[in-house]
Protein backbone atom coordinates (compact mmCIF):
# COMPACT_ATOMS: atom_id res chain seq x y z
CA UNK A 1 32.59 -73.25 -11.98
CA UNK A 2 29.73 -70.87 -11.31
CA UNK A 3 28.99 -70.34 -7.58
CA UNK A 4 25.61 -69.24 -6.20
CA UNK A 5 24.99 -68.47 -2.53
CA UNK A 6 21.35 -68.82 -1.66
CA UNK A 7 19.43 -68.16 1.56
CA UNK A 8 17.02 -70.89 2.55
CA UNK A 9 14.15 -69.06 4.19
CA UNK A 10 11.45 -70.30 6.51
CA UNK A 11 9.93 -72.06 8.21
CA UNK A 12 6.50 -71.53 6.72
CA UNK A 13 3.29 -73.44 7.23
CA UNK A 14 1.34 -75.55 4.75
CA UNK A 15 -1.27 -73.31 3.06
CA UNK A 16 -4.62 -73.50 4.89
CA UNK A 17 -2.91 -75.57 7.64
CA UNK A 18 -0.46 -72.98 8.95
CA UNK A 19 -1.32 -73.69 12.60
CA UNK A 20 0.24 -70.37 13.76
CA UNK A 21 3.18 -70.69 11.32
CA UNK A 22 4.13 -67.97 8.86
CA UNK A 23 2.24 -68.04 5.56
CA UNK A 24 4.17 -69.08 2.44
CA UNK A 25 5.23 -66.20 0.20
CA UNK A 26 4.39 -66.15 -3.50
CA UNK A 27 7.93 -67.14 -4.57
CA UNK A 28 8.72 -69.96 -6.95
CA UNK A 29 11.78 -72.20 -6.68
CA UNK A 30 12.98 -75.01 -4.46
CA UNK A 31 11.15 -76.17 -1.35
CA UNK A 32 11.91 -78.54 1.49
CA UNK A 33 9.14 -80.05 3.57
CA UNK A 34 10.31 -80.83 7.09
CA UNK A 35 9.18 -81.84 10.56
CA UNK A 36 10.52 -80.44 13.84
CA UNK A 37 13.26 -82.79 14.96
CA UNK A 38 15.49 -82.50 18.05
CA UNK A 39 16.93 -78.95 17.91
CA UNK A 40 16.05 -78.33 14.27
CA UNK A 41 14.15 -79.81 11.36
CA UNK A 42 14.32 -83.06 9.39
CA UNK A 43 13.37 -83.08 5.69
CA UNK A 44 10.67 -85.41 4.43
CA UNK A 45 10.41 -83.97 0.92
CA UNK A 46 12.22 -81.95 -1.74
CA UNK A 47 10.43 -80.25 -4.61
CA UNK A 48 10.56 -77.48 -7.16
CA UNK A 49 8.14 -75.29 -9.05
CA UNK A 50 8.32 -72.40 -11.49
CA UNK A 51 4.86 -71.31 -10.32
CA UNK A 52 3.99 -69.85 -6.92
CA UNK A 53 4.96 -72.36 -4.23
CA UNK A 54 1.72 -71.69 -2.36
CA UNK A 55 -0.28 -72.80 -5.41
CA UNK A 56 1.87 -75.92 -5.74
CA UNK A 57 1.18 -76.86 -2.11
CA UNK A 58 -2.57 -76.55 -2.64
CA UNK A 59 -2.15 -79.04 -5.51
CA UNK A 60 -0.07 -81.32 -3.28
CA UNK A 61 -2.79 -81.18 -0.59
CA UNK A 62 -5.40 -82.39 -3.09
CA UNK A 63 -3.18 -85.29 -4.17
CA UNK A 64 -2.43 -86.31 -0.58
CA UNK A 65 -6.12 -86.28 0.30
CA UNK A 66 -6.96 -88.34 -2.79
CA UNK A 67 -4.45 -90.99 -1.75
CA UNK A 68 -2.04 -90.35 -4.61
CA UNK A 69 1.02 -89.76 -2.41
CA UNK A 70 2.62 -91.74 0.39
CA UNK A 71 1.56 -90.46 3.80
CA UNK A 72 3.92 -90.95 6.71
CA UNK A 73 2.93 -92.28 10.11
CA UNK A 74 3.38 -89.04 12.00
CA UNK A 75 4.56 -90.43 15.34
CA UNK A 76 7.30 -92.46 13.64
CA UNK A 77 8.29 -89.63 11.28
CA UNK A 78 8.72 -87.18 14.16
CA UNK A 79 11.44 -89.49 15.51
CA UNK A 80 13.14 -89.82 12.11
CA UNK A 81 11.71 -93.26 11.28
CA UNK A 82 9.89 -94.08 8.07
CA UNK A 83 6.60 -95.90 8.47
CA UNK A 84 3.98 -95.46 5.77
CA UNK A 85 0.42 -94.80 7.02
CA UNK A 86 -0.98 -94.81 3.46
CA UNK A 87 0.83 -96.14 0.39
CA UNK A 88 0.24 -93.85 -2.58
CA UNK A 89 1.71 -94.15 -6.09
CA UNK A 90 0.03 -96.56 -8.45
CA UNK A 91 -3.57 -97.63 -8.66
CA UNK A 92 -5.28 -100.98 -9.09
CA UNK A 93 -8.98 -101.84 -8.76
CA UNK A 94 -8.20 -103.33 -5.34
CA UNK A 95 -6.39 -100.18 -4.22
CA UNK A 96 -9.26 -97.93 -5.39
CA UNK A 97 -11.65 -100.00 -3.31
CA UNK A 98 -9.34 -99.78 -0.29
CA UNK A 99 -9.07 -96.00 -0.76
CA UNK A 100 -12.85 -95.59 -0.88
CA UNK A 101 -13.12 -97.61 2.34
CA UNK A 102 -10.32 -95.59 3.99
CA UNK A 103 -10.93 -92.16 2.49
CA UNK A 104 -11.74 -90.39 5.78
CA UNK A 105 -8.67 -91.91 7.41
CA UNK A 106 -6.43 -90.90 4.46
CA UNK A 107 -7.71 -87.32 4.69
CA UNK A 108 -7.14 -87.32 8.46
CA UNK A 109 -3.56 -88.67 8.06
CA UNK A 110 -2.90 -86.04 5.37
CA UNK A 111 -4.16 -83.14 7.43
CA UNK A 112 -2.12 -84.19 10.46
CA UNK A 113 0.99 -84.31 8.26
CA UNK A 114 0.21 -80.84 6.86
CA UNK A 115 -0.22 -79.39 10.35
CA UNK A 116 3.18 -80.71 11.48
CA UNK A 117 5.02 -79.65 8.31
CA UNK A 118 7.47 -76.75 8.21
CA UNK A 119 8.42 -75.52 4.73
CA UNK A 120 11.71 -73.90 3.73
CA UNK A 121 12.19 -72.27 0.34
CA UNK A 122 14.94 -70.95 -1.91
CA UNK A 123 14.07 -68.59 -4.74
CA UNK A 124 17.06 -69.39 -6.94
CA UNK A 125 18.39 -67.14 -9.69
CA UNK A 126 19.15 -68.25 -13.23
CA UNK A 127 21.27 -70.10 -14.45
CA UNK A 128 20.14 -72.65 -11.83
CA UNK A 129 18.15 -75.47 -13.36
CA UNK A 130 15.84 -76.26 -10.49
CA UNK A 131 15.41 -79.91 -11.46
CA UNK A 132 19.18 -80.43 -11.16
CA UNK A 133 19.19 -79.00 -7.64
CA UNK A 134 16.14 -81.06 -6.64
CA UNK A 135 17.91 -84.19 -7.88
CA UNK A 136 21.23 -83.40 -6.20
CA UNK A 137 19.57 -82.64 -2.85
CA UNK A 138 17.34 -85.72 -2.96
CA UNK A 139 20.34 -87.92 -3.78
CA UNK A 140 22.33 -86.25 -0.98
CA UNK A 141 19.58 -86.82 1.61
CA UNK A 142 19.23 -90.48 0.57
CA UNK A 143 23.01 -91.00 0.74
CA UNK A 144 23.23 -89.34 4.16
CA UNK A 145 20.66 -91.72 5.68
CA UNK A 146 17.45 -89.69 5.56
CA UNK A 147 14.76 -92.37 5.30
CA UNK A 148 11.77 -90.02 5.27
CA UNK A 149 12.20 -88.81 1.68
CA UNK A 150 10.54 -91.02 -0.92
CA UNK A 151 12.61 -93.02 -3.39
CA UNK A 152 11.57 -93.59 -6.97
CA UNK A 153 10.97 -89.97 -7.88
CA UNK A 154 11.65 -88.96 -11.46
CA UNK A 155 14.82 -86.94 -10.97
CA UNK A 156 16.74 -84.99 -13.62
CA UNK A 157 20.41 -85.24 -12.77
CA UNK A 158 23.00 -82.98 -14.39
CA UNK A 159 24.28 -84.21 -17.72
CA UNK A 160 28.04 -84.59 -18.10
CA UNK A 161 28.06 -81.90 -20.81
CA UNK A 162 26.40 -79.32 -18.54
CA UNK A 163 28.57 -76.81 -16.76
CA UNK A 164 28.60 -77.57 -13.00
CA UNK A 165 27.23 -75.01 -10.55
CA UNK A 166 28.07 -74.91 -6.86
CA UNK A 167 25.13 -73.85 -4.70
CA UNK A 168 25.95 -72.67 -1.18
CA UNK A 169 23.09 -72.51 1.29
CA UNK A 170 22.63 -69.96 4.04
CA UNK A 171 20.18 -71.72 6.33
CA UNK A 172 19.12 -69.73 9.35
CA UNK A 173 17.71 -72.84 11.02
CA UNK A 174 19.28 -76.24 11.62
CA UNK A 175 18.10 -78.65 8.93
CA UNK A 176 19.43 -82.15 9.47
CA UNK A 177 21.37 -83.47 6.50
CA UNK A 178 21.30 -80.20 4.53
CA UNK A 179 24.76 -79.68 3.05
CA UNK A 180 26.41 -76.26 3.31
CA UNK A 181 27.06 -76.53 -0.41
CA UNK A 182 26.21 -78.91 -3.21
CA UNK A 183 27.37 -79.24 -6.78
CA UNK A 184 24.73 -79.52 -9.45
């Protein structure tokens, strides 16, 4: 089994909403979106990109503000509870009308979530298939009781014929539910 030890660096702020947080570097790779929680951070999202992470977050911001993603009720999320302030994913004529009526509120909810978000990243070397790590981490967070991370994402789990890789994380901050190592 191939073993990779990877530092998880951060926290960084959401681009254009850093709120005195460190600006995201240009790296690509894995990212965790988190909120401050107790004496550390609690994840609310896992993602990957082969492009600059900063650019990906600018795309995410647009989608949040257009109502395409779920937006968490911030006060509940900061205590580790999942309450949806705006339900994204999937459009009907009725939902489009509701969005147009609520657009300012959706943008406000989005921007508050961006301001409270802390981002951690891992710029992983090859032979890591980022989608396998995203899937393994998402599954791990769901299994360990993290309710903030969305379900129903299109995940690409490791195929049985693929050689397993053990990823060990060096996290310099406490991230609730993050395993020290995970097999992908």
